[in-house]
C-alpha atoms as a PDB file:
ATOM      1  CA  UNK A   1      20.443  -5.980  -4.443  1.00  0.00           C
ATOM      2  CA  UNK A   2      18.077  -4.375  -2.454  1.00  0.00           C
ATOM      3  CA  UNK A   3      14.570  -5.311  -1.253  1.00  0.00           C
ATOM      4  CA  UNK A   4      12.850  -1.953  -3.354  1.00  0.00           C
ATOM      5  CA  UNK A   5      14.696  -3.353  -6.185  1.00  0.00           C
ATOM      6  CA  UNK A   6      12.692  -6.488  -6.921  1.00  0.00           C
ATOM      7  CA  UNK A   7       9.203  -6.023  -8.661  1.00  0.00           C
ATOM      8  CA  UNK A   8       6.452  -5.493  -6.026  1.00  0.00           C
ATOM      9  CA  UNK A   9       3.926  -8.231  -5.324  1.00  0.00           C
ATOM     10  CA  UNK A  10       1.129  -8.878  -7.179  1.00  0.00           C
ATOM     11  CA  UNK A  11      -2.630  -9.737  -6.707  1.00  0.00           C
ATOM     12  CA  UNK A  12      -2.004 -13.103  -8.049  1.00  0.00           C
ATOM     13  CA  UNK A  13       0.992 -14.011  -6.127  1.00  0.00           C
ATOM     14  CA  UNK A  14      -0.135 -12.964  -3.309  1.00  0.00           C
ATOM     15  CA  UNK A  15      -3.165 -14.962  -3.525  1.00  0.00           C
ATOM     16  CA  UNK A  16      -0.471 -18.084  -4.827  1.00  0.00           C
ATOM     17  CA  UNK A  17       1.435 -17.495  -1.176  1.00  0.00           C
ATOM     18  CA  UNK A  18      -1.009 -17.313   0.832  1.00  0.00           C
ATOM     19  CA  UNK A  19      -2.858 -19.963  -0.096  1.00  0.00           C
ATOM     20  CA  UNK A  20       0.764 -22.363   0.630  1.00  0.00           C
ATOM     21  CA  UNK A  21       0.934 -20.914   3.438  1.00  0.00           C
ATOM     22  CA  UNK A  22      -2.013 -22.265   4.879  1.00  0.00           C
ATOM     23  CA  UNK A  23      -1.337 -25.104   3.582  1.00  0.00           C
ATOM     24  CA  UNK A  24       1.920 -25.847   5.618  1.00  0.00           C
ATOM     25  CA  UNK A  25       2.165 -25.130   9.853  1.00  0.00           C
ATOM     26  CA  UNK A  26       6.184 -25.495   9.898  1.00  0.00           C
ATOM     27  CA  UNK A  27       8.601 -22.715   9.034  1.00  0.00           C
ATOM     28  CA  UNK A  28      12.221 -23.063   9.525  1.00  0.00           C
ATOM     29  CA  UNK A  29      13.005 -19.174  11.000  1.00  0.00           C
ATOM     30  CA  UNK A  30      16.483 -17.861  11.269  1.00  0.00           C
ATOM     31  CA  UNK A  31      17.551 -14.890  13.422  1.00  0.00           C
ATOM     32  CA  UNK A  32      20.614 -13.110  14.109  1.00  0.00           C
ATOM     33  CA  UNK A  33      22.866 -14.609  17.320  1.00  0.00           C
ATOM     34  CA  UNK A  34      24.318 -11.861  19.225  1.00  0.00           C
ATOM     35  CA  UNK A  35      28.437 -13.131  17.962  1.00  0.00           C
ATOM     36  CA  UNK A  36      27.175 -12.337  14.470  1.00  0.00           C
ATOM     37  CA  UNK A  37      25.731 -15.988  14.044  1.00  0.00           C
ATOM     38  CA  UNK A  38      22.953 -17.068  12.246  1.00  0.00           C
ATOM     39  CA  UNK A  39      20.642 -19.745  14.379  1.00  0.00           C
ATOM     40  CA  UNK A  40      18.247 -21.553  12.040  1.00  0.00           C
ATOM     41  CA  UNK A  41      15.206 -23.083  14.739  1.00  0.00           C
ATOM     42  CA  UNK A  42      11.866 -25.173  12.993  1.00  0.00           C
ATOM     43  CA  UNK A  43       8.872 -23.355  14.218  1.00  0.00           C
ATOM     44  CA  UNK A  44       5.126 -23.822  14.048  1.00  0.00           C
ATOM     45  CA  UNK A  45       2.830 -20.990  12.565  1.00  0.00           C
ATOM     46  CA  UNK A  46      -0.029 -19.490  11.842  1.00  0.00           C
ATOM     47  CA  UNK A  47      -0.860 -17.121   8.535  1.00  0.00           C
ATOM     48  CA  UNK A  48      -3.090 -14.019   7.625  1.00  0.00           C
ATOM     49  CA  UNK A  49      -2.439 -13.529   4.037  1.00  0.00           C
ATOM     50  CA  UNK A  50       1.456 -13.253   4.163  1.00  0.00           C
ATOM     51  CA  UNK A  51       1.829 -12.741   7.844  1.00  0.00           C
ATOM     52  CA  UNK A  52       2.970 -14.943   9.388  1.00  0.00           C
ATOM     53  CA  UNK A  53       2.986 -15.599  13.462  1.00  0.00           C
ATOM     54  CA  UNK A  54       4.894 -18.025  16.075  1.00  0.00           C
ATOM     55  CA  UNK A  55       5.127 -18.590  19.528  1.00  0.00           C
ATOM     56  CA  UNK A  56       8.357 -18.317  21.343  1.00  0.00           C
ATOM     57  CA  UNK A  57       9.062 -19.260  24.976  1.00  0.00           C
ATOM     58  CA  UNK A  58      10.767 -15.967  27.023  1.00  0.00           C
ATOM     59  CA  UNK A  59      13.756 -17.413  28.013  1.00  0.00           C
ATOM     60  CA  UNK A  60      14.155 -18.816  24.180  1.00  0.00           C
ATOM     61  CA  UNK A  61      17.633 -17.851  22.909  1.00  0.00           C
ATOM     62  CA  UNK A  62      15.489 -17.151  19.698  1.00  0.00           C
ATOM     63  CA  UNK A  63      13.603 -14.336  21.255  1.00  0.00           C
ATOM     64  CA  UNK A  64      16.447 -12.683  22.680  1.00  0.00           C
ATOM     65  CA  UNK A  65      17.639 -13.004  19.378  1.00  0.00           C
ATOM     66  CA  UNK A  66      14.729 -11.001  18.112  1.00  0.00           C
ATOM     67  CA  UNK A  67      14.496  -8.543  20.377  1.00  0.00           C
ATOM     68  CA  UNK A  68      18.644  -7.972  19.927  1.00  0.00           C
ATOM     69  CA  UNK A  69      17.542  -7.869  15.550  1.00  0.00           C
ATOM     70  CA  UNK A  70      14.521  -7.979  14.564  1.00  0.00           C
ATOM     71  CA  UNK A  71      15.374  -9.084  11.041  1.00  0.00           C
ATOM     72  CA  UNK A  72      14.270 -12.685   9.722  1.00  0.00           C
ATOM     73  CA  UNK A  73      15.072 -14.569   6.830  1.00  0.00           C
ATOM     74  CA  UNK A  74      11.758 -17.821   6.850  1.00  0.00           C
ATOM     75  CA  UNK A  75      11.695 -20.997   4.649  1.00  0.00           C
ATOM     76  CA  UNK A  76       8.571 -22.834   4.155  1.00  0.00           C
ATOM     77  CA  UNK A  77       8.428 -25.999   1.923  1.00  0.00           C
ATOM     78  CA  UNK A  78       5.616 -27.313   0.734  1.00  0.00           C
ATOM     79  CA  UNK A  79       5.108 -31.786   0.415  1.00  0.00           C
ATOM     80  CA  UNK A  80       2.909 -30.912  -2.465  1.00  0.00           C
ATOM     81  CA  UNK A  81       2.638 -27.912  -5.209  1.00  0.00           C
ATOM     82  CA  UNK A  82       0.665 -25.497  -4.185  1.00  0.00           C
ATOM     83  CA  UNK A  83      -0.617 -23.840  -7.705  1.00  0.00           C
ATOM     84  CA  UNK A  84       2.709 -24.326  -9.136  1.00  0.00           C
ATOM     85  CA  UNK A  85       4.482 -23.128  -5.846  1.00  0.00           C
ATOM     86  CA  UNK A  86       6.429 -25.660  -3.634  1.00  0.00           C
ATOM     87  CA  UNK A  87       7.841 -23.554  -1.425  1.00  0.00           C
ATOM     88  CA  UNK A  88       9.030 -19.865   0.351  1.00  0.00           C
ATOM     89  CA  UNK A  89      11.071 -18.144   1.311  1.00  0.00           C
ATOM     90  CA  UNK A  90      11.282 -14.229   3.084  1.00  0.00           C
ATOM     91  CA  UNK A  91      12.792 -11.434   4.619  1.00  0.00           C
ATOM     92  CA  UNK A  92      10.851  -9.979   7.362  1.00  0.00           C
ATOM     93  CA  UNK A  93      10.611  -7.782  10.456  1.00  0.00           C
ATOM     94  CA  UNK A  94       9.466  -9.813  14.005  1.00  0.00           C
ATOM     95  CA  UNK A  95       7.662  -7.745  16.742  1.00  0.00           C
ATOM     96  CA  UNK A  96       5.796  -9.278  19.553  1.00  0.00           C
ATOM     97  CA  UNK A  97       2.172  -9.233  19.939  1.00  0.00           C
ATOM     98  CA  UNK A  98       1.165  -7.605  22.882  1.00  0.00           C
ATOM     99  CA  UNK A  99      -1.961  -6.982  22.756  1.00  0.00           C
ATOM    100  CA  UNK A 100      -4.606  -9.146  24.979  1.00  0.00           C
ATOM    101  CA  UNK A 101      -6.739  -8.492  22.724  1.00  0.00           C
ATOM    102  CA  UNK A 102      -5.551  -9.418  19.447  1.00  0.00           C
ATOM    103  CA  UNK A 103      -3.443 -12.583  21.504  1.00  0.00           C
ATOM    104  CA  UNK A 104      -7.240 -13.888  22.002  1.00  0.00           C
ATOM    105  CA  UNK A 105      -7.728 -13.485  18.755  1.00  0.00           C
ATOM    106  CA  UNK A 106      -4.777 -15.139  17.247  1.00  0.00           C
ATOM    107  CA  UNK A 107      -5.372 -18.181  19.716  1.00  0.00           C
ATOM    108  CA  UNK A 108      -8.923 -18.225  18.193  1.00  0.00           C
ATOM    109  CA  UNK A 109      -7.967 -18.670  14.489  1.00  0.00           C
ATOM    110  CA  UNK A 110      -4.615 -21.051  15.594  1.00  0.00           C
ATOM    111  CA  UNK A 111      -7.287 -23.104  17.298  1.00  0.00           C
ATOM    112  CA  UNK A 112      -9.981 -22.911  13.896  1.00  0.00           C
ATOM    113  CA  UNK A 113      -7.085 -24.053  11.850  1.00  0.00           C
ATOM    114  CA  UNK A 114      -4.796 -26.666  13.920  1.00  0.00           C
ATOM    115  CA  UNK A 115      -6.907 -27.986  16.257  1.00  0.00           C
ATOM    116  CA  UNK A 116      -4.935 -30.794  16.870  1.00  0.00           C
ATOM    117  CA  UNK A 117      -1.813 -28.560  17.896  1.00  0.00           C
ATOM    118  CA  UNK A 118      -4.227 -25.850  19.842  1.00  0.00           C
ATOM    119  CA  UNK A 119      -2.918 -27.090  23.686  1.00  0.00           C
ATOM    120  CA  UNK A 120      -0.235 -24.499  22.431  1.00  0.00           C
ATOM    121  CA  UNK A 121      -1.759 -21.940  22.470  1.00  0.00           C
ATOM    122  CA  UNK A 122      -0.740 -19.204  24.565  1.00  0.00           C
ATOM    123  CA  UNK A 123      -2.020 -19.321  27.553  1.00  0.00           C
ATOM    124  CA  UNK A 124       0.277 -17.790  29.619  1.00  0.00           C
ATOM    125  CA  UNK A 125       3.204 -14.721  29.888  1.00  0.00           C
ATOM    126  CA  UNK A 126       6.174 -17.601  29.958  1.00  0.00           C
ATOM    127  CA  UNK A 127       5.396 -17.087  26.009  1.00  0.00           C
ATOM    128  CA  UNK A 128       5.494 -14.219  23.709  1.00  0.00           C
ATOM    129  CA  UNK A 129       3.619 -14.043  19.711  1.00  0.00           C
ATOM    130  CA  UNK A 130       5.835 -12.734  17.395  1.00  0.00           C
ATOM    131  CA  UNK A 131       4.258 -11.434  14.140  1.00  0.00           C
ATOM    132  CA  UNK A 132       6.836 -11.302  11.327  1.00  0.00           C
ATOM    133  CA  UNK A 133       5.966  -9.127   7.996  1.00  0.00           C
ATOM    134  CA  UNK A 134       7.524  -9.913   4.975  1.00  0.00           C
ATOM    135  CA  UNK A 135       9.521  -7.190   3.070  1.00  0.00           C
ATOM    136  CA  UNK A 136      10.560  -9.566   0.559  1.00  0.00           C
ATOM    137  CA  UNK A 137       9.138 -12.599  -0.595  1.00  0.00           C
ATOM    138  CA  UNK A 138      10.468 -15.397  -2.993  1.00  0.00           C
ATOM    139  CA  UNK A 139       8.424 -17.901  -4.460  1.00  0.00           C
ATOM    140  CA  UNK A 140       9.929 -21.710  -5.795  1.00  0.00           C
ATOM    141  CA  UNK A 141       8.577 -24.089  -8.334  1.00  0.00           C
ATOM    142  CA  UNK A 142       9.924 -26.922  -9.287  1.00  0.00           C
ATOM    143  CA  UNK A 143       9.390 -28.930 -13.158  1.00  0.00           C
ATOM    144  CA  UNK A 144      11.786 -31.500 -14.258  1.00  0.00           C
ATOM    145  CA  UNK A 145      13.754 -31.373 -11.667  1.00  0.00           C
ATOM    146  CA  UNK A 146      14.847 -27.418 -11.635  1.00  0.00           C
ATOM    147  CA  UNK A 147      14.257 -25.260  -9.399  1.00  0.00           C
ATOM    148  CA  UNK A 148      12.664 -21.436 -10.430  1.00  0.00           C
ATOM    149  CA  UNK A 149      12.298 -18.468  -8.021  1.00  0.00           C
ATOM    150  CA  UNK A 150      10.709 -15.688  -8.722  1.00  0.00           C
ATOM    151  CA  UNK A 151      10.920 -12.527  -5.876  1.00  0.00           C
ATOM    152  CA  UNK A 152       8.780  -9.599  -4.724  1.00  0.00           C
ATOM    153  CA  UNK A 153       8.897  -6.832  -2.545  1.00  0.00           C
ATOM    154  CA  UNK A 154       6.006  -5.783  -0.252  1.00  0.00           C
ATOM    155  CA  UNK A 155       5.178  -1.980  -0.179  1.00  0.00           C
ATOM    156  CA  UNK A 156       1.698  -0.728  -0.262  1.00  0.00           C
ATOM    157  CA  UNK A 157      -1.312  -3.087  -0.748  1.00  0.00           C
ATOM    158  CA  UNK A 158      -0.839  -5.359  -3.510  1.00  0.00           C
ATOM    159  CA  UNK A 159      -2.260  -5.337  -6.948  1.00  0.00           C
ATOM    160  CA  UNK A 160      -5.815  -6.453  -8.099  1.00  0.00           C
ATOM    161  CA  UNK A 161      -5.820  -9.473 -10.177  1.00  0.00           C
ATOM    162  CA  UNK A 162      -7.682  -9.193 -13.557  1.00  0.00           C
ATOM    163  CA  UNK A 163     -10.460 -11.432 -13.842  1.00  0.00           C
ATOM    164  CA  UNK A 164     -12.612 -11.890 -17.388  1.00  0.00           C
ATOM    165  CA  UNK A 165     -11.295 -13.604 -20.639  1.00  0.00           C
ATOM    166  CA  UNK A 166      -8.318 -12.183 -20.413  1.00  0.00           C
ATOM    167  CA  UNK A 167      -7.210 -12.854 -17.502  1.00  0.00           C
ATOM    168  CA  UNK A 168      -4.032 -14.615 -17.199  1.00  0.00           C
ATOM    169  CA  UNK A 169      -4.191 -17.629 -13.990  1.00  0.00           C
ATOM    170  CA  UNK A 170      -2.050 -17.177 -11.164  1.00  0.00           C
ATOM    171  CA  UNK A 171       0.115 -20.077 -12.270  1.00  0.00           C
ATOM    172  CA  UNK A 172       1.055 -18.015 -15.198  1.00  0.00           C
ATOM    173  CA  UNK A 173       1.808 -14.668 -13.096  1.00  0.00           C
ATOM    174  CA  UNK A 174       3.552 -15.592 -10.153  1.00  0.00           C
ATOM    175  CA  UNK A 175       5.782 -17.490 -12.488  1.00  0.00           C
END
């Protein structure tokens, strides 16, 4: 299946997935090595909505891989259930953030969200900040020992969440 063959993401799914992303801080990141083998590493991240940001050393194999092929796969597992979801996997494209104003803004965001790890905020040119923009997101729920996955493509803005007496909960709309 292609990314376009999945239904577009809707507002309730965006809210639920963003909540899970804000709750966690570690992800498994798979990049493509030059020899074709995947390389998976665990990295800390921050998110803004569904976009993820992480830091990589300029001399790392991970950054070399991303410059050669910006396609990545991501997996995030939550220890506790967040609005029905226990994990997220994504297909995304990586882009280095180079604008100094944007770097400073992201440093402030990281410090506000995770003050205990703020010593890792980028301060020199020896590291790169990478933005991951998802193209496909799969939310994973678990109940009675079984998991269920719901996948969504990302295109234009997500549809708004319905409110009112006939509105369906975010969890029901997600799964």
